[in-house]
Amino acid sequence: LVDRNTGKLWPWVFSMDRQWTPSITRFRSADAEAELMGVQNGLGFAQIPDFSAQDLLRQEKLVRVLEEVEPAPWDLYIYR
């Protein structure tokens, strides 16, 4: 996923405060829904939020990988 403000890729976040940013990608987008559609169409794999992936995981259209290094959930606050 591309940060719209900087044009750089968002790093993937893992447990134990580890991060990784891919240097080579097959698909880049600033749109999380487009990224999810790319994954569904076999373009690769991605770090997708649970709320976006839950239904597809239940339907077995997505497979969870790297669970052993999955980061802790984030708190999300929206301000107006």
N, C-alpha and C. Protein backbone atom coordinates (compact mmCIF):
# COMPACT_ATOMS: atom_id res chain seq x y z
N LEU A 1 0.85 -1.17 0.00
CA LEU A 1 0.00 0.00 0.00
C LEU A 1 0.90 1.24 0.00
N VAL A 2 0.55 2.19 -0.81
CA VAL A 2 1.35 3.40 -0.97
C VAL A 2 0.78 4.53 -0.11
N ASP A 3 1.65 5.22 0.60
CA ASP A 3 1.26 6.39 1.39
C ASP A 3 0.96 7.53 0.41
N ARG A 4 -0.26 8.02 0.43
CA ARG A 4 -0.66 9.08 -0.51
C ARG A 4 0.13 10.38 -0.30
N ASN A 5 0.59 10.63 0.91
CA ASN A 5 1.31 11.87 1.20
C ASN A 5 2.75 11.85 0.71
N THR A 6 3.39 10.69 0.78
CA THR A 6 4.82 10.62 0.44
C THR A 6 5.10 9.87 -0.86
N GLY A 7 4.16 9.04 -1.29
CA GLY A 7 4.39 8.20 -2.46
C GLY A 7 5.22 6.97 -2.17
N LYS A 8 5.60 6.79 -0.91
CA LYS A 8 6.41 5.63 -0.51
C LYS A 8 5.49 4.51 -0.03
N LEU A 9 6.02 3.28 -0.07
CA LEU A 9 5.25 2.15 0.43
C LEU A 9 5.17 2.19 1.94
N TRP A 10 4.00 1.84 2.47
CA TRP A 10 3.87 1.67 3.92
C TRP A 10 4.66 0.42 4.31
N PRO A 11 5.38 0.45 5.40
CA PRO A 11 6.09 -0.76 5.84
C PRO A 11 5.11 -1.79 6.38
N TRP A 12 5.46 -3.04 6.26
CA TRP A 12 4.70 -4.10 6.90
C TRP A 12 5.16 -4.15 8.35
N VAL A 13 4.24 -4.28 9.27
CA VAL A 13 4.53 -4.27 10.70
C VAL A 13 4.36 -5.68 11.23
N PHE A 14 5.34 -6.14 12.02
CA PHE A 14 5.31 -7.48 12.59
C PHE A 14 5.46 -7.40 14.11
N SER A 15 5.33 -8.53 14.76
CA SER A 15 5.50 -8.57 16.21
C SER A 15 6.92 -8.17 16.59
N MET A 16 7.12 -7.88 17.85
CA MET A 16 8.42 -7.49 18.41
C MET A 16 8.98 -6.24 17.72
N ASP A 17 8.10 -5.32 17.35
CA ASP A 17 8.49 -4.03 16.74
C ASP A 17 9.34 -4.17 15.48
N ARG A 18 9.13 -5.23 14.74
CA ARG A 18 9.86 -5.41 13.48
C ARG A 18 9.04 -4.83 12.33
N GLN A 19 9.73 -4.29 11.35
CA GLN A 19 9.09 -3.75 10.15
C GLN A 19 9.87 -4.18 8.92
N TRP A 20 9.18 -4.22 7.80
CA TRP A 20 9.82 -4.56 6.54
C TRP A 20 9.09 -3.83 5.42
N THR A 21 9.86 -3.25 4.51
CA THR A 21 9.28 -2.59 3.35
C THR A 21 9.80 -3.30 2.10
N PRO A 22 8.90 -3.86 1.30
CA PRO A 22 9.36 -4.55 0.09
C PRO A 22 10.06 -3.59 -0.87
N SER A 23 11.14 -4.04 -1.47
CA SER A 23 11.85 -3.19 -2.43
C SER A 23 11.35 -3.43 -3.85
N ILE A 24 10.84 -4.63 -4.10
CA ILE A 24 10.30 -4.96 -5.42
C ILE A 24 8.86 -5.42 -5.23
N THR A 25 7.95 -4.85 -5.99
CA THR A 25 6.54 -5.23 -5.89
C THR A 25 5.98 -5.49 -7.28
N ARG A 26 4.98 -6.36 -7.36
CA ARG A 26 4.29 -6.61 -8.63
C ARG A 26 3.13 -5.66 -8.81
N PHE A 27 2.65 -5.09 -7.71
CA PHE A 27 1.47 -4.24 -7.75
C PHE A 27 1.58 -3.21 -6.64
N ARG A 28 1.30 -1.96 -6.96
CA ARG A 28 1.31 -0.89 -5.96
C ARG A 28 0.04 -0.09 -6.11
N SER A 29 -0.52 0.31 -4.98
CA SER A 29 -1.73 1.13 -5.02
C SER A 29 -1.83 1.93 -3.74
N ALA A 30 -2.45 3.09 -3.83
CA ALA A 30 -2.75 3.90 -2.65
C ALA A 30 -4.16 3.58 -2.15
N ASP A 31 -4.82 2.63 -2.78
CA ASP A 31 -6.20 2.26 -2.47
C ASP A 31 -6.21 0.87 -1.84
N ALA A 32 -6.61 0.78 -0.57
CA ALA A 32 -6.60 -0.50 0.14
C ALA A 32 -7.54 -1.52 -0.50
N GLU A 33 -8.67 -1.07 -1.03
CA GLU A 33 -9.60 -1.99 -1.69
C GLU A 33 -8.98 -2.56 -2.97
N ALA A 34 -8.26 -1.73 -3.72
CA ALA A 34 -7.58 -2.21 -4.92
C ALA A 34 -6.49 -3.21 -4.56
N GLU A 35 -5.80 -2.97 -3.45
CA GLU A 35 -4.77 -3.91 -2.99
C GLU A 35 -5.41 -5.25 -2.67
N LEU A 36 -6.54 -5.22 -1.96
CA LEU A 36 -7.24 -6.46 -1.61
C LEU A 36 -7.69 -7.19 -2.88
N MET A 37 -8.20 -6.48 -3.84
CA MET A 37 -8.62 -7.10 -5.11
C MET A 37 -7.42 -7.72 -5.83
N GLY A 38 -6.28 -7.05 -5.77
CA GLY A 38 -5.07 -7.60 -6.38
C GLY A 38 -4.67 -8.92 -5.73
N VAL A 39 -4.75 -8.98 -4.42
CA VAL A 39 -4.43 -10.22 -3.70
C VAL A 39 -5.41 -11.32 -4.10
N GLN A 40 -6.70 -10.99 -4.16
CA GLN A 40 -7.71 -11.97 -4.56
C GLN A 40 -7.47 -12.50 -5.97
N ASN A 41 -6.87 -11.69 -6.82
CA ASN A 41 -6.63 -12.09 -8.20
C ASN A 41 -5.23 -12.66 -8.43
N GLY A 42 -4.54 -12.99 -7.34
CA GLY A 42 -3.28 -13.70 -7.45
C GLY A 42 -2.05 -12.87 -7.72
N LEU A 43 -2.11 -11.56 -7.48
CA LEU A 43 -0.94 -10.72 -7.73
C LEU A 43 0.13 -10.83 -6.65
N GLY A 44 -0.19 -11.48 -5.56
CA GLY A 44 0.77 -11.61 -4.47
C GLY A 44 0.06 -11.69 -3.14
N PHE A 45 0.76 -11.29 -2.10
CA PHE A 45 0.13 -11.27 -0.79
C PHE A 45 0.37 -9.92 -0.16
N ALA A 46 -0.42 -9.60 0.86
CA ALA A 46 -0.37 -8.27 1.45
C ALA A 46 -0.76 -8.33 2.91
N GLN A 47 -0.45 -7.29 3.62
CA GLN A 47 -0.88 -7.15 5.01
C GLN A 47 -2.20 -6.39 4.98
N ILE A 48 -3.30 -7.11 5.23
CA ILE A 48 -4.66 -6.59 5.09
C ILE A 48 -5.30 -6.49 6.47
N PRO A 49 -5.99 -5.41 6.78
CA PRO A 49 -6.68 -5.31 8.07
C PRO A 49 -7.75 -6.39 8.23
N ASP A 50 -7.94 -6.86 9.45
CA ASP A 50 -8.93 -7.90 9.72
C ASP A 50 -10.31 -7.52 9.21
N PHE A 51 -10.72 -6.26 9.42
CA PHE A 51 -12.08 -5.89 9.02
C PHE A 51 -12.28 -6.01 7.51
N SER A 52 -11.22 -5.93 6.74
CA SER A 52 -11.33 -6.09 5.28
C SER A 52 -11.27 -7.55 4.87
N ALA A 53 -10.58 -8.37 5.64
CA ALA A 53 -10.31 -9.75 5.24
C ALA A 53 -11.24 -10.78 5.85
N GLN A 54 -11.96 -10.46 6.92
CA GLN A 54 -12.72 -11.47 7.67
C GLN A 54 -13.66 -12.30 6.81
N ASP A 55 -14.49 -11.67 6.01
CA ASP A 55 -15.44 -12.43 5.18
C ASP A 55 -14.72 -13.34 4.20
N LEU A 56 -13.68 -12.83 3.57
CA LEU A 56 -12.93 -13.63 2.60
C LEU A 56 -12.20 -14.79 3.26
N LEU A 57 -11.72 -14.60 4.48
CA LEU A 57 -11.10 -15.69 5.22
C LEU A 57 -12.13 -16.77 5.55
N ARG A 58 -13.32 -16.34 5.99
CA ARG A 58 -14.39 -17.31 6.30
C ARG A 58 -14.80 -18.10 5.06
N GLN A 59 -14.81 -17.43 3.92
CA GLN A 59 -15.19 -18.08 2.66
C GLN A 59 -14.03 -18.87 2.04
N GLU A 60 -12.89 -18.84 2.70
CA GLU A 60 -11.67 -19.51 2.23
C GLU A 60 -11.20 -18.99 0.87
N LYS A 61 -11.45 -17.70 0.63
CA LYS A 61 -10.95 -17.04 -0.58
C LYS A 61 -9.62 -16.35 -0.31
N LEU A 62 -9.28 -16.21 0.97
CA LEU A 62 -7.97 -15.74 1.42
C LEU A 62 -7.45 -16.73 2.44
N VAL A 63 -6.13 -16.79 2.56
CA VAL A 63 -5.48 -17.65 3.55
C VAL A 63 -4.57 -16.77 4.38
N ARG A 64 -4.67 -16.91 5.70
CA ARG A 64 -3.80 -16.16 6.61
C ARG A 64 -2.42 -16.83 6.62
N VAL A 65 -1.36 -16.02 6.47
CA VAL A 65 0.02 -16.52 6.52
C VAL A 65 0.81 -15.70 7.53
N LEU A 66 1.94 -16.21 7.92
CA LEU A 66 2.85 -15.53 8.85
C LEU A 66 2.19 -15.18 10.18
N GLU A 67 1.27 -16.03 10.65
CA GLU A 67 0.57 -15.77 11.91
C GLU A 67 1.52 -15.66 13.10
N GLU A 68 2.64 -16.38 13.03
CA GLU A 68 3.57 -16.38 14.16
C GLU A 68 4.25 -15.03 14.37
N VAL A 69 4.21 -14.16 13.39
CA VAL A 69 4.81 -12.83 13.54
C VAL A 69 3.77 -11.71 13.37
N GLU A 70 2.50 -12.07 13.50
CA GLU A 70 1.42 -11.10 13.35
C GLU A 70 1.51 -10.04 14.45
N PRO A 71 1.37 -8.77 14.10
CA PRO A 71 1.48 -7.71 15.11
C PRO A 71 0.25 -7.67 16.02
N ALA A 72 0.41 -7.03 17.16
CA ALA A 72 -0.73 -6.82 18.05
C ALA A 72 -1.72 -5.87 17.37
N PRO A 73 -3.00 -5.99 17.70
CA PRO A 73 -3.99 -5.08 17.10
C PRO A 73 -3.69 -3.63 17.43
N TRP A 74 -4.04 -2.73 16.52
CA TRP A 74 -3.86 -1.30 16.72
C TRP A 74 -5.16 -0.70 17.23
N ASP A 75 -5.04 0.31 18.06
CA ASP A 75 -6.20 1.12 18.41
C ASP A 75 -6.37 2.16 17.31
N LEU A 76 -7.60 2.41 16.94
CA LEU A 76 -7.87 3.38 15.88
C LEU A 76 -8.86 4.41 16.40
N TYR A 77 -8.50 5.66 16.28
CA TYR A 77 -9.36 6.76 16.72
C TYR A 77 -9.60 7.68 15.54
N ILE A 78 -10.83 8.09 15.36
CA ILE A 78 -11.17 9.00 14.27
C ILE A 78 -11.62 10.32 14.87
N TYR A 79 -11.01 11.39 14.39
CA TYR A 79 -11.34 12.74 14.87
C TYR A 79 -11.98 13.52 13.74
N ARG A 80 -12.91 14.37 14.10
CA ARG A 80 -13.53 15.26 13.12
C ARG A 80 -13.13 16.67 13.37
